[in-house]
Amino acid sequence: MKTLTKLVAILFATLFLNNIANAACGKITYANMNWASASLMANVDKIILEKGFGCEVELVPGDTMPSFTSMNEKGAPDVAPELWANSVMNPLKKAVGEKRIHIVNKNPISGLGEGWFVNPAVVEKHGIKTVQDLLKRPDLFPHPEDKSKGAFVGCPAGWGCQLINNQLFKAFEMESKGWKLVDPGSAAGLDASMTKANERGENWVGYYWSPTTLIGKYDMRLLDFGVKWGGDDNWHNCLVKSEQECATPKKSTWVQSEVYSVATDNFKKTAGSDAMKYMKKRIYPGAVMNSMLVYMDANQAEGEDAAMEFMTKHEKIWSKWVSSSVAKKIKAGI
């Protein structure tokens, strides 16, 4: 009888301690940002924080500027999983300095960024790995209206990257080396240009960014610019401006994309140190993220369904972000 009493006491003590641990993580609001990779991350975080740490996570619609502004001014939502920070860097630094917002992960997706991409065959068959290599071979990318020229596909009119590509095209003296700059007209036109070339087995070079569905689907390769960073003044006061504002652009790499997972001070206090440690460890390999975006596109899957696919298919990845005991709880909970 004494043994039974002890077992019951141990059972109740265990349940009590588990409840205390779960209660340590309260209610959290999460920006479910309106692009695929960020939505996937938000939904994966929801599963892991709820099943593994006992949090109560509410997903709310989000985007870079409105989510950050709300976090900065109102303290909610508590987390933005994929904040492209270049556009909000100054106010973000101020908020971090005042401890209202914390950068919990400076690299949530490896290999993330933007620049000039080519098909894998261009790299593997022709050895083109840098922009310097590219400039010598316009013949590999014949312009549809002038086969004697190489076609470089830039950004659609109205996009900030249009000015940057125009200026880099000039800085690298591409016109004199046999190239023409192509305006795809729209986001759909840019996508169609890459898709058409790949489906036909033709070479393609132009501006794009990762993680994205098309980069994953066609295994597109990011070119090294083959030069050093041209300096902040060259980038911010020339490359991002029109030719009328700056007629003498200098060669440069693309500016480094600063993409963070950020959280409010409320998240740090509410979720606790273990959840903060999870967020710091949570890094998606770029190839895996791109493969998930391909899955989402092919299956018309939203973030919630894609998150379950990720948790099922990539246990070896996410289980390393948490302790073995937490991983067991998560696996049992899904």
C-alpha atoms as a PDB file:
ATOM      1  CA  MET A   1       0.000   0.000   0.000  1.00  0.00           C
ATOM      2  CA  LYS A   2       2.881   2.332   0.858  1.00  0.00           C
ATOM      3  CA  THR A   3       4.483   1.567  -2.518  1.00  0.00           C
ATOM      4  CA  LEU A   4       1.236   2.419  -4.339  1.00  0.00           C
ATOM      5  CA  THR A   5       0.960   5.663  -2.375  1.00  0.00           C
ATOM      6  CA  LYS A   6       4.502   6.607  -3.327  1.00  0.00           C
ATOM      7  CA  LEU A   7       3.843   5.880  -7.012  1.00  0.00           C
ATOM      8  CA  VAL A   8       0.704   8.029  -6.958  1.00  0.00           C
ATOM      9  CA  ALA A   9       2.634  10.828  -5.224  1.00  0.00           C
ATOM     10  CA  ILE A  10       5.404  10.654  -7.839  1.00  0.00           C
ATOM     11  CA  LEU A  11       2.839  10.710 -10.658  1.00  0.00           C
ATOM     12  CA  PHE A  12       1.086  13.787  -9.286  1.00  0.00           C
ATOM     13  CA  ALA A  13       4.432  15.509  -8.664  1.00  0.00           C
ATOM     14  CA  THR A  14       5.483  14.864 -12.268  1.00  0.00           C
ATOM     15  CA  LEU A  15       2.208  16.209 -13.648  1.00  0.00           C
ATOM     16  CA  PHE A  16       2.481  19.236 -11.356  1.00  0.00           C
ATOM     17  CA  LEU A  17       6.005  20.018 -12.492  1.00  0.00           C
ATOM     18  CA  ASN A  18       5.021  19.608 -16.149  1.00  0.00           C
ATOM     19  CA  ASN A  19       2.127  21.992 -15.682  1.00  0.00           C
ATOM     20  CA  ILE A  20       4.439  24.538 -14.068  1.00  0.00           C
ATOM     21  CA  ALA A  21       6.886  24.209 -16.982  1.00  0.00           C
ATOM     22  CA  ASN A  22       4.083  24.627 -19.510  1.00  0.00           C
ATOM     23  CA  ALA A  23       2.606  27.550 -17.622  1.00  0.00           C
ATOM     24  CA  ALA A  24       5.976  29.287 -17.838  1.00  0.00           C
ATOM     25  CA  CYS A  25       5.260  29.894 -21.506  1.00  0.00           C
ATOM     26  CA  GLY A  26       2.080  31.900 -21.880  1.00  0.00           C
ATOM     27  CA  LYS A  27       0.227  33.452 -24.820  1.00  0.00           C
ATOM     28  CA  ILE A  28       2.295  34.620 -27.780  1.00  0.00           C
ATOM     29  CA  THR A  29       1.235  36.394 -30.969  1.00  0.00           C
ATOM     30  CA  TYR A  30       3.106  35.488 -34.139  1.00  0.00           C
ATOM     31  CA  ALA A  31       3.286  37.291 -37.473  1.00  0.00           C
ATOM     32  CA  ASN A  32       2.146  34.879 -40.180  1.00  0.00           C
ATOM     33  CA  MET A  33       3.853  36.877 -42.909  1.00  0.00           C
ATOM     34  CA  ASN A  34       2.361  36.831 -46.369  1.00  0.00           C
ATOM     35  CA  TRP A  35       5.006  34.887 -48.283  1.00  0.00           C
ATOM     36  CA  ALA A  36       5.574  31.149 -48.299  1.00  0.00           C
ATOM     37  CA  SER A  37       8.874  30.734 -46.430  1.00  0.00           C
ATOM     38  CA  ALA A  38       7.838  33.045 -43.580  1.00  0.00           C
ATOM     39  CA  SER A  39       4.429  31.393 -43.275  1.00  0.00           C
ATOM     40  CA  LEU A  40       6.082  27.973 -43.132  1.00  0.00           C
ATOM     41  CA  MET A  41       8.412  29.138 -40.365  1.00  0.00           C
ATOM     42  CA  ALA A  42       5.592  30.701 -38.359  1.00  0.00           C
ATOM     43  CA  ASN A  43       3.574  27.495 -38.477  1.00  0.00           C
ATOM     44  CA  VAL A  44       6.566  25.286 -37.616  1.00  0.00           C
ATOM     45  CA  ASP A  45       7.352  27.574 -34.670  1.00  0.00           C
ATOM     46  CA  LYS A  46       3.722  27.303 -33.564  1.00  0.00           C
ATOM     47  CA  ILE A  47       3.917  23.499 -33.506  1.00  0.00           C
ATOM     48  CA  ILE A  48       7.248  23.394 -31.691  1.00  0.00           C
ATOM     49  CA  LEU A  49       6.438  26.116 -29.154  1.00  0.00           C
ATOM     50  CA  GLU A  50       3.022  24.651 -28.369  1.00  0.00           C
ATOM     51  CA  LYS A  51       3.869  20.943 -28.368  1.00  0.00           C
ATOM     52  CA  GLY A  52       7.368  21.267 -26.968  1.00  0.00           C
ATOM     53  CA  PHE A  53       7.220  24.260 -24.633  1.00  0.00           C
ATOM     54  CA  GLY A  54       3.553  24.554 -23.722  1.00  0.00           C
ATOM     55  CA  CYS A  55       3.068  27.983 -25.279  1.00  0.00           C
ATOM     56  CA  GLU A  56      -0.232  29.222 -26.676  1.00  0.00           C
ATOM     57  CA  VAL A  57       0.543  30.713 -30.082  1.00  0.00           C
ATOM     58  CA  GLU A  58      -1.847  32.895 -32.066  1.00  0.00           C
ATOM     59  CA  LEU A  59      -0.930  33.578 -35.696  1.00  0.00           C
ATOM     60  CA  VAL A  60      -1.860  37.017 -37.037  1.00  0.00           C
ATOM     61  CA  PRO A  61      -1.499  38.340 -40.611  1.00  0.00           C
ATOM     62  CA  GLY A  62       1.792  40.121 -41.223  1.00  0.00           C
ATOM     63  CA  ASP A  63       4.218  41.786 -43.629  1.00  0.00           C
ATOM     64  CA  THR A  64       7.635  43.400 -43.189  1.00  0.00           C
ATOM     65  CA  MET A  65       6.736  47.034 -42.627  1.00  0.00           C
ATOM     66  CA  PRO A  66       3.366  46.748 -40.816  1.00  0.00           C
ATOM     67  CA  SER A  67       4.564  43.884 -38.588  1.00  0.00           C
ATOM     68  CA  PHE A  68       7.738  45.671 -37.572  1.00  0.00           C
ATOM     69  CA  THR A  69       5.935  48.973 -37.028  1.00  0.00           C
ATOM     70  CA  SER A  70       3.366  47.286 -34.815  1.00  0.00           C
ATOM     71  CA  MET A  71       6.049  45.423 -32.842  1.00  0.00           C
ATOM     72  CA  ASN A  72       8.025  48.607 -32.431  1.00  0.00           C
ATOM     73  CA  GLU A  73       5.143  50.875 -31.434  1.00  0.00           C
ATOM     74  CA  LYS A  74       2.613  48.519 -29.821  1.00  0.00           C
ATOM     75  CA  GLY A  75       4.714  45.533 -28.698  1.00  0.00           C
ATOM     76  CA  ALA A  76       2.703  43.086 -30.808  1.00  0.00           C
ATOM     77  CA  PRO A  77       2.918  40.706 -32.540  1.00  0.00           C
ATOM     78  CA  ASP A  78       5.594  39.121 -30.375  1.00  0.00           C
ATOM     79  CA  VAL A  79       7.558  37.482 -33.201  1.00  0.00           C
ATOM     80  CA  ALA A  80       8.343  38.166 -36.851  1.00  0.00           C
ATOM     81  CA  PRO A  81      10.045  34.965 -38.093  1.00  0.00           C
ATOM     82  CA  GLU A  82      11.518  36.334 -41.352  1.00  0.00           C
ATOM     83  CA  LEU A  83      12.086  40.085 -41.183  1.00  0.00           C
ATOM     84  CA  TRP A  84      13.979  41.491 -44.187  1.00  0.00           C
ATOM     85  CA  ALA A  85      15.678  44.103 -42.076  1.00  0.00           C
ATOM     86  CA  ASN A  86      17.498  46.294 -44.627  1.00  0.00           C
ATOM     87  CA  SER A  87      14.381  48.403 -45.065  1.00  0.00           C
ATOM     88  CA  VAL A  88      13.915  48.961 -41.302  1.00  0.00           C
ATOM     89  CA  MET A  89      17.510  48.820 -40.066  1.00  0.00           C
ATOM     90  CA  ASN A  90      17.724  52.221 -38.361  1.00  0.00           C
ATOM     91  CA  PRO A  91      14.522  51.962 -36.283  1.00  0.00           C
ATOM     92  CA  LEU A  92      15.331  48.293 -35.575  1.00  0.00           C
ATOM     93  CA  LYS A  93      18.731  49.218 -34.149  1.00  0.00           C
ATOM     94  CA  LYS A  94      17.057  51.845 -31.977  1.00  0.00           C
ATOM     95  CA  ALA A  95      14.453  49.354 -30.714  1.00  0.00           C
ATOM     96  CA  VAL A  96      17.154  46.759 -29.970  1.00  0.00           C
ATOM     97  CA  GLY A  97      19.186  49.366 -28.106  1.00  0.00           C
ATOM     98  CA  GLU A  98      16.155  50.223 -26.006  1.00  0.00           C
ATOM     99  CA  LYS A  99      15.491  46.469 -25.409  1.00  0.00           C
ATOM    100  CA  ARG A 100      11.972  46.625 -26.836  1.00  0.00           C
ATOM    101  CA  ILE A 101      12.874  44.206 -29.613  1.00  0.00           C
ATOM    102  CA  HIS A 102      15.440  41.406 -29.659  1.00  0.00           C
ATOM    103  CA  ILE A 103      17.158  39.879 -32.684  1.00  0.00           C
ATOM    104  CA  VAL A 104      16.870  36.223 -31.704  1.00  0.00           C
ATOM    105  CA  ASN A 105      18.304  34.775 -34.917  1.00  0.00           C
ATOM    106  CA  LYS A 106      20.426  36.588 -37.513  1.00  0.00           C
ATOM    107  CA  ASN A 107      20.372  33.752 -40.025  1.00  0.00           C
ATOM    108  CA  PRO A 108      17.074  31.809 -39.977  1.00  0.00           C
ATOM    109  CA  ILE A 109      17.655  30.451 -43.508  1.00  0.00           C
ATOM    110  CA  SER A 110      21.109  29.664 -44.859  1.00  0.00           C
ATOM    111  CA  GLY A 111      22.011  30.798 -48.357  1.00  0.00           C
ATOM    112  CA  LEU A 112      19.335  33.476 -48.269  1.00  0.00           C
ATOM    113  CA  GLY A 113      19.751  36.577 -50.425  1.00  0.00           C
ATOM    114  CA  GLU A 114      19.409  38.226 -53.819  1.00  0.00           C
ATOM    115  CA  GLY A 115      21.585  38.835 -56.837  1.00  0.00           C
ATOM    116  CA  TRP A 116      22.299  37.362 -60.275  1.00  0.00           C
ATOM    117  CA  PHE A 117      21.349  33.735 -60.940  1.00  0.00           C
ATOM    118  CA  VAL A 118      22.085  31.254 -63.751  1.00  0.00           C
ATOM    119  CA  ASN A 119      20.929  27.725 -64.607  1.00  0.00           C
ATOM    120  CA  PRO A 120      23.014  24.913 -63.084  1.00  0.00           C
ATOM    121  CA  ALA A 121      24.116  23.794 -66.587  1.00  0.00           C
ATOM    122  CA  VAL A 122      25.802  27.158 -67.123  1.00  0.00           C
ATOM    123  CA  VAL A 123      27.977  26.500 -64.085  1.00  0.00           C
ATOM    124  CA  GLU A 124      28.571  22.791 -64.675  1.00  0.00           C
ATOM    125  CA  LYS A 125      29.067  22.761 -68.465  1.00  0.00           C
ATOM    126  CA  HIS A 126      30.649  26.150 -69.050  1.00  0.00           C
ATOM    127  CA  GLY A 127      32.380  26.854 -65.736  1.00  0.00           C
ATOM    128  CA  ILE A 128      30.683  30.198 -65.209  1.00  0.00           C
ATOM    129  CA  LYS A 129      30.770  30.869 -61.478  1.00  0.00           C
ATOM    130  CA  THR A 130      31.355  34.622 -61.262  1.00  0.00           C
ATOM    131  CA  VAL A 131      30.100  37.729 -63.015  1.00  0.00           C
ATOM    132  CA  GLN A 132      33.610  38.096 -64.436  1.00  0.00           C
ATOM    133  CA  ASP A 133      33.187  34.682 -66.110  1.00  0.00           C
ATOM    134  CA  LEU A 134      29.726  35.653 -67.312  1.00  0.00           C
ATOM    135  CA  LEU A 135      30.789  38.868 -69.018  1.00  0.00           C
ATOM    136  CA  LYS A 136      33.001  36.935 -71.444  1.00  0.00           C
ATOM    137  CA  ARG A 137      30.171  34.702 -72.724  1.00  0.00           C
ATOM    138  CA  PRO A 138      27.191  36.713 -74.005  1.00  0.00           C
ATOM    139  CA  ASP A 139      26.951  34.106 -76.770  1.00  0.00           C
ATOM    140  CA  LEU A 140      25.543  31.590 -74.256  1.00  0.00           C
ATOM    141  CA  PHE A 141      22.495  33.800 -73.583  1.00  0.00           C
ATOM    142  CA  PRO A 142      21.268  34.999 -77.007  1.00  0.00           C
ATOM    143  CA  HIS A 143      18.861  37.928 -76.929  1.00  0.00           C
ATOM    144  CA  PRO A 144      15.507  36.942 -78.488  1.00  0.00           C
ATOM    145  CA  GLU A 145      15.535  39.943 -80.855  1.00  0.00           C
ATOM    146  CA  ASP A 146      19.273  40.146 -81.543  1.00  0.00           C
ATOM    147  CA  LYS A 147      21.130  36.828 -81.393  1.00  0.00           C
ATOM    148  CA  SER A 148      24.481  38.611 -81.582  1.00  0.00           C
ATOM    149  CA  LYS A 149      23.884  40.050 -78.108  1.00  0.00           C
ATOM    150  CA  GLY A 150      23.572  38.419 -74.705  1.00  0.00           C
ATOM    151  CA  ALA A 151      20.331  38.909 -72.761  1.00  0.00           C
ATOM    152  CA  PHE A 152      20.498  39.847 -69.090  1.00  0.00           C
ATOM    153  CA  VAL A 153      17.051  39.862 -67.425  1.00  0.00           C
ATOM    154  CA  GLY A 154      16.744  42.671 -64.889  1.00  0.00           C
ATOM    155  CA  CYS A 155      13.946  43.768 -62.563  1.00  0.00           C
ATOM    156  CA  PRO A 156      10.521  45.000 -63.638  1.00  0.00           C
ATOM    157  CA  ALA A 157      10.004  48.763 -63.831  1.00  0.00           C
ATOM    158  CA  GLY A 158       9.011  50.227 -60.491  1.00  0.00           C
ATOM    159  CA  TRP A 159      10.979  47.764 -58.371  1.00  0.00           C
ATOM    160  CA  GLY A 160      13.875  49.170 -56.335  1.00  0.00           C
ATOM    161  CA  CYS A 161      16.161  46.509 -57.761  1.00  0.00           C
ATOM    162  CA  GLN A 162      15.550  47.838 -61.276  1.00  0.00           C
ATOM    163  CA  LEU A 163      17.749  50.855 -60.578  1.00  0.00           C
ATOM    164  CA  ILE A 164      20.406  48.675 -58.956  1.00  0.00           C
ATOM    165  CA  ASN A 165      20.566  46.289 -61.904  1.00  0.00           C
ATOM    166  CA  ASN A 166      20.645  49.183 -64.370  1.00  0.00           C
ATOM    167  CA  GLN A 167      23.564  50.751 -62.517  1.00  0.00           C
ATOM    168  CA  LEU A 168      25.486  47.494 -62.121  1.00  0.00           C
ATOM    169  CA  PHE A 169      24.930  46.769 -65.820  1.00  0.00           C
ATOM    170  CA  LYS A 170      26.625  50.107 -66.486  1.00  0.00           C
ATOM    171  CA  ALA A 171      29.353  49.674 -63.853  1.00  0.00           C
ATOM    172  CA  PHE A 172      30.409  46.334 -65.337  1.00  0.00           C
ATOM    173  CA  GLU A 173      30.358  47.885 -68.860  1.00  0.00           C
ATOM    174  CA  MET A 174      28.113  45.113 -70.069  1.00  0.00           C
ATOM    175  CA  GLU A 175      26.785  46.924 -73.135  1.00  0.00           C
ATOM    176  CA  SER A 176      30.266  47.302 -74.611  1.00  0.00           C
ATOM    177  CA  LYS A 177      30.901  43.620 -73.906  1.00  0.00           C
ATOM    178  CA  GLY A 178      27.944  42.475 -76.010  1.00  0.00           C
ATOM    179  CA  TRP A 179      25.024  42.477 -73.584  1.00  0.00           C
ATOM    180  CA  LYS A 180      21.521  43.932 -73.590  1.00  0.00           C
ATOM    181  CA  LEU A 181      19.454  44.578 -70.466  1.00  0.00           C
ATOM    182  CA  VAL A 182      15.950  43.068 -70.646  1.00  0.00           C
ATOM    183  CA  ASP A 183      13.023  44.537 -68.703  1.00  0.00           C
ATOM    184  CA  PRO A 184      10.665  41.600 -67.977  1.00  0.00           C
ATOM    185  CA  GLY A 185       7.755  44.008 -67.480  1.00  0.00           C
ATOM    186  CA  SER A 186       6.317  42.498 -64.312  1.00  0.00           C
ATOM    187  CA  ALA A 187       6.888  39.903 -61.604  1.00  0.00           C
ATOM    188  CA  ALA A 188       4.944  37.415 -63.723  1.00  0.00           C
ATOM    189  CA  GLY A 189       7.130  38.292 -66.697  1.00  0.00           C
ATOM    190  CA  LEU A 190      10.293  37.714 -64.695  1.00  0.00           C
ATOM    191  CA  ASP A 191       9.025  34.322 -63.518  1.00  0.00           C
ATOM    192  CA  ALA A 192       7.889  33.394 -67.019  1.00  0.00           C
ATOM    193  CA  SER A 193      11.279  34.289 -68.463  1.00  0.00           C
ATOM    194  CA  MET A 194      13.120  31.947 -66.081  1.00  0.00           C
ATOM    195  CA  THR A 195      10.520  29.197 -66.395  1.00  0.00           C
ATOM    196  CA  LYS A 196      10.442  29.293 -70.188  1.00  0.00           C
ATOM    197  CA  ALA A 197      14.235  29.065 -70.480  1.00  0.00           C
ATOM    198  CA  ASN A 198      14.491  26.179 -68.045  1.00  0.00           C
ATOM    199  CA  GLU A 199      11.622  24.211 -69.556  1.00  0.00           C
ATOM    200  CA  ARG A 200      13.213  24.566 -72.994  1.00  0.00           C
ATOM    201  CA  GLY A 201      16.703  23.698 -71.773  1.00  0.00           C
ATOM    202  CA  GLU A 202      17.972  27.183 -72.620  1.00  0.00           C
ATOM    203  CA  ASN A 203      20.467  29.234 -70.644  1.00  0.00           C
ATOM    204  CA  TRP A 204      19.201  32.093 -68.481  1.00  0.00           C
ATOM    205  CA  VAL A 205      20.840  34.829 -66.442  1.00  0.00           C
ATOM    206  CA  GLY A 206      19.176  37.588 -64.475  1.00  0.00           C
ATOM    207  CA  TYR A 207      18.132  39.000 -61.153  1.00  0.00           C
ATOM    208  CA  TYR A 208      16.250  36.915 -58.596  1.00  0.00           C
ATOM    209  CA  TRP A 209      16.261  36.086 -54.895  1.00  0.00           C
ATOM    210  CA  SER A 210      16.204  33.081 -52.565  1.00  0.00           C
ATOM    211  CA  PRO A 211      14.465  31.304 -50.923  1.00  0.00           C
ATOM    212  CA  THR A 212      11.857  31.114 -53.659  1.00  0.00           C
ATOM    213  CA  THR A 213       9.968  28.396 -55.477  1.00  0.00           C
ATOM    214  CA  LEU A 214      11.660  28.880 -58.841  1.00  0.00           C
ATOM    215  CA  ILE A 215      15.186  28.894 -57.411  1.00  0.00           C
ATOM    216  CA  GLY A 216      14.400  25.595 -55.698  1.00  0.00           C
ATOM    217  CA  LYS A 217      12.530  24.075 -58.626  1.00  0.00           C
ATOM    218  CA  TYR A 218      15.282  24.713 -61.160  1.00  0.00           C
ATOM    219  CA  ASP A 219      18.253  24.586 -58.766  1.00  0.00           C
ATOM    220  CA  MET A 220      19.364  28.025 -59.928  1.00  0.00           C
ATOM    221  CA  ARG A 221      22.864  29.127 -58.905  1.00  0.00           C
ATOM    222  CA  LEU A 222      23.825  32.490 -57.443  1.00  0.00           C
ATOM    223  CA  LEU A 223      26.853  34.035 -59.150  1.00  0.00           C
ATOM    224  CA  ASP A 224      29.736  35.458 -57.169  1.00  0.00           C
ATOM    225  CA  PHE A 225      30.310  39.007 -58.412  1.00  0.00           C
ATOM    226  CA  GLY A 226      34.048  38.410 -58.416  1.00  0.00           C
ATOM    227  CA  VAL A 227      34.769  41.867 -57.001  1.00  0.00           C
ATOM    228  CA  LYS A 228      34.947  43.427 -53.558  1.00  0.00           C
ATOM    229  CA  TRP A 229      32.103  45.324 -51.893  1.00  0.00           C
ATOM    230  CA  GLY A 230      32.072  48.753 -53.549  1.00  0.00           C
ATOM    231  CA  GLY A 231      31.397  50.652 -50.333  1.00  0.00           C
ATOM    232  CA  ASP A 232      28.343  52.065 -48.578  1.00  0.00           C
ATOM    233  CA  ASP A 233      28.582  55.401 -50.390  1.00  0.00           C
ATOM    234  CA  ASN A 234      28.630  53.726 -53.807  1.00  0.00           C
ATOM    235  CA  TRP A 235      25.648  51.546 -52.912  1.00  0.00           C
ATOM    236  CA  HIS A 236      23.423  53.979 -51.026  1.00  0.00           C
ATOM    237  CA  ASN A 237      24.237  57.124 -52.986  1.00  0.00           C
ATOM    238  CA  CYS A 238      24.671  55.723 -56.472  1.00  0.00           C
ATOM    239  CA  LEU A 239      23.663  52.116 -57.201  1.00  0.00           C
ATOM    240  CA  VAL A 240      20.203  52.516 -55.673  1.00  0.00           C
ATOM    241  CA  LYS A 241      19.609  55.747 -57.598  1.00  0.00           C
ATOM    242  CA  SER A 242      18.793  56.540 -61.212  1.00  0.00           C
ATOM    243  CA  GLU A 243      21.465  57.301 -63.794  1.00  0.00           C
ATOM    244  CA  GLN A 244      20.351  60.934 -63.735  1.00  0.00           C
ATOM    245  CA  GLU A 245      21.134  61.087 -60.017  1.00  0.00           C
ATOM    246  CA  CYS A 246      24.433  59.199 -60.307  1.00  0.00           C
ATOM    247  CA  ALA A 247      26.134  58.746 -63.672  1.00  0.00           C
ATOM    248  CA  THR A 248      29.303  57.079 -62.374  1.00  0.00           C
ATOM    249  CA  PRO A 249      28.437  53.808 -60.605  1.00  0.00           C
ATOM    250  CA  LYS A 250      31.296  51.590 -59.454  1.00  0.00           C
ATOM    251  CA  LYS A 251      31.476  47.812 -59.498  1.00  0.00           C
ATOM    252  CA  SER A 252      30.245  46.080 -56.363  1.00  0.00           C
ATOM    253  CA  THR A 253      28.871  42.905 -54.903  1.00  0.00           C
ATOM    254  CA  TRP A 254      25.172  42.934 -54.039  1.00  0.00           C
ATOM    255  CA  VAL A 255      24.491  44.365 -50.614  1.00  0.00           C
ATOM    256  CA  GLN A 256      24.252  41.649 -47.968  1.00  0.00           C
ATOM    257  CA  SER A 257      20.649  40.752 -47.219  1.00  0.00           C
ATOM    258  CA  GLU A 258      19.957  41.158 -43.507  1.00  0.00           C
ATOM    259  CA  VAL A 259      17.143  38.777 -42.629  1.00  0.00           C
ATOM    260  CA  TYR A 260      16.362  38.150 -38.968  1.00  0.00           C
ATOM    261  CA  SER A 261      13.914  36.459 -36.651  1.00  0.00           C
ATOM    262  CA  VAL A 262      12.968  39.188 -34.181  1.00  0.00           C
ATOM    263  CA  ALA A 263      10.921  39.111 -30.995  1.00  0.00           C
ATOM    264  CA  THR A 264       9.520  41.577 -28.509  1.00  0.00           C
ATOM    265  CA  ASP A 265      10.681  41.793 -24.922  1.00  0.00           C
ATOM    266  CA  ASN A 266       7.358  40.216 -23.972  1.00  0.00           C
ATOM    267  CA  PHE A 267       8.321  37.056 -25.890  1.00  0.00           C
ATOM    268  CA  LYS A 268      11.661  36.880 -24.085  1.00  0.00           C
ATOM    269  CA  LYS A 269       9.928  37.150 -20.702  1.00  0.00           C
ATOM    270  CA  THR A 270       6.864  35.034 -21.517  1.00  0.00           C
ATOM    271  CA  ALA A 271       8.334  32.199 -23.556  1.00  0.00           C
ATOM    272  CA  GLY A 272      11.400  31.809 -21.355  1.00  0.00           C
ATOM    273  CA  SER A 273      15.070  30.990 -21.899  1.00  0.00           C
ATOM    274  CA  ASP A 274      14.494  27.530 -23.420  1.00  0.00           C
ATOM    275  CA  ALA A 275      12.228  28.920 -26.123  1.00  0.00           C
ATOM    276  CA  MET A 276      14.788  31.671 -26.805  1.00  0.00           C
ATOM    277  CA  LYS A 277      17.499  29.016 -27.178  1.00  0.00           C
ATOM    278  CA  TYR A 278      15.284  27.137 -29.650  1.00  0.00           C
ATOM    279  CA  MET A 279      14.798  30.286 -31.741  1.00  0.00           C
ATOM    280  CA  LYS A 280      18.565  30.860 -31.878  1.00  0.00           C
ATOM    281  CA  LYS A 281      19.222  27.298 -33.056  1.00  0.00           C
ATOM    282  CA  ARG A 282      16.372  27.264 -35.586  1.00  0.00           C
ATOM    283  CA  ILE A 283      18.167  27.570 -38.950  1.00  0.00           C
ATOM    284  CA  TYR A 284      16.695  26.101 -42.139  1.00  0.00           C
ATOM    285  CA  PRO A 285      19.223  24.856 -44.728  1.00  0.00           C
ATOM    286  CA  GLY A 286      18.603  26.854 -47.898  1.00  0.00           C
ATOM    287  CA  ALA A 287      18.187  23.781 -50.083  1.00  0.00           C
ATOM    288  CA  VAL A 288      15.600  22.334 -47.692  1.00  0.00           C
ATOM    289  CA  MET A 289      13.650  25.585 -47.552  1.00  0.00           C
ATOM    290  CA  ASN A 290      13.613  25.842 -51.343  1.00  0.00           C
ATOM    291  CA  SER A 291      12.417  22.240 -51.590  1.00  0.00           C
ATOM    292  CA  MET A 292       9.591  23.068 -49.176  1.00  0.00           C
ATOM    293  CA  LEU A 293       8.588  26.041 -51.319  1.00  0.00           C
ATOM    294  CA  VAL A 294       8.472  23.752 -54.352  1.00  0.00           C
ATOM    295  CA  TYR A 295       6.239  21.403 -52.341  1.00  0.00           C
ATOM    296  CA  MET A 296       3.939  24.264 -51.337  1.00  0.00           C
ATOM    297  CA  ASP A 297       3.632  25.456 -54.922  1.00  0.00           C
ATOM    298  CA  ALA A 298       3.046  21.997 -56.396  1.00  0.00           C
ATOM    299  CA  ASN A 299       0.438  21.084 -53.789  1.00  0.00           C
ATOM    300  CA  GLN A 300      -1.105  24.527 -53.276  1.00  0.00           C
ATOM    301  CA  ALA A 301      -0.241  24.017 -49.602  1.00  0.00           C
ATOM    302  CA  GLU A 302      -0.660  26.775 -47.044  1.00  0.00           C
ATOM    303  CA  GLY A 303       1.764  27.316 -44.178  1.00  0.00           C
ATOM    304  CA  GLU A 304      -0.085  25.029 -41.754  1.00  0.00           C
ATOM    305  CA  ASP A 305      -0.078  22.007 -44.072  1.00  0.00           C
ATOM    306  CA  ALA A 306       3.498  22.678 -45.187  1.00  0.00           C
ATOM    307  CA  ALA A 307       4.614  22.835 -41.555  1.00  0.00           C
ATOM    308  CA  MET A 308       3.244  19.354 -40.906  1.00  0.00           C
ATOM    309  CA  GLU A 309       5.014  18.095 -44.033  1.00  0.00           C
ATOM    310  CA  PHE A 310       8.258  19.625 -42.805  1.00  0.00           C
ATOM    311  CA  MET A 311       7.879  18.181 -39.301  1.00  0.00           C
ATOM    312  CA  THR A 312       7.211  14.720 -40.734  1.00  0.00           C
ATOM    313  CA  LYS A 313       9.836  14.722 -43.470  1.00  0.00           C
ATOM    314  CA  HIS A 314      12.669  16.612 -41.769  1.00  0.00           C
ATOM    315  CA  GLU A 315      12.734  15.348 -38.197  1.00  0.00           C
ATOM    316  CA  LYS A 316      16.543  15.093 -38.342  1.00  0.00           C
ATOM    317  CA  ILE A 317      16.706  18.857 -38.868  1.00  0.00           C
ATOM    318  CA  TRP A 318      14.181  20.198 -36.358  1.00  0.00           C
ATOM    319  CA  SER A 319      15.074  17.698 -33.626  1.00  0.00           C
ATOM    320  CA  LYS A 320      18.520  19.319 -33.418  1.00  0.00           C
ATOM    321  CA  TRP A 321      16.915  22.655 -32.549  1.00  0.00           C
ATOM    322  CA  VAL A 322      15.568  21.340 -29.224  1.00  0.00           C
ATOM    323  CA  SER A 323      16.594  18.938 -26.462  1.00  0.00           C
ATOM    324  CA  SER A 324      15.908  15.221 -26.905  1.00  0.00           C
ATOM    325  CA  SER A 325      13.170  15.305 -24.250  1.00  0.00           C
ATOM    326  CA  VAL A 326      11.417  18.210 -25.953  1.00  0.00           C
ATOM    327  CA  ALA A 327      11.787  16.487 -29.346  1.00  0.00           C
ATOM    328  CA  LYS A 328      10.008  13.415 -27.933  1.00  0.00           C
ATOM    329  CA  LYS A 329       7.138  15.580 -26.654  1.00  0.00           C
ATOM    330  CA  ILE A 330       6.779  17.280 -30.030  1.00  0.00           C
ATOM    331  CA  LYS A 331       6.842  13.992 -31.931  1.00  0.00           C
ATOM    332  CA  ALA A 332       4.195  12.547 -29.602  1.00  0.00           C
ATOM    333  CA  GLY A 333       2.070  15.665 -29.980  1.00  0.00           C
ATOM    334  CA  ILE A 334       1.923  15.644 -33.780  1.00  0.00           C
END
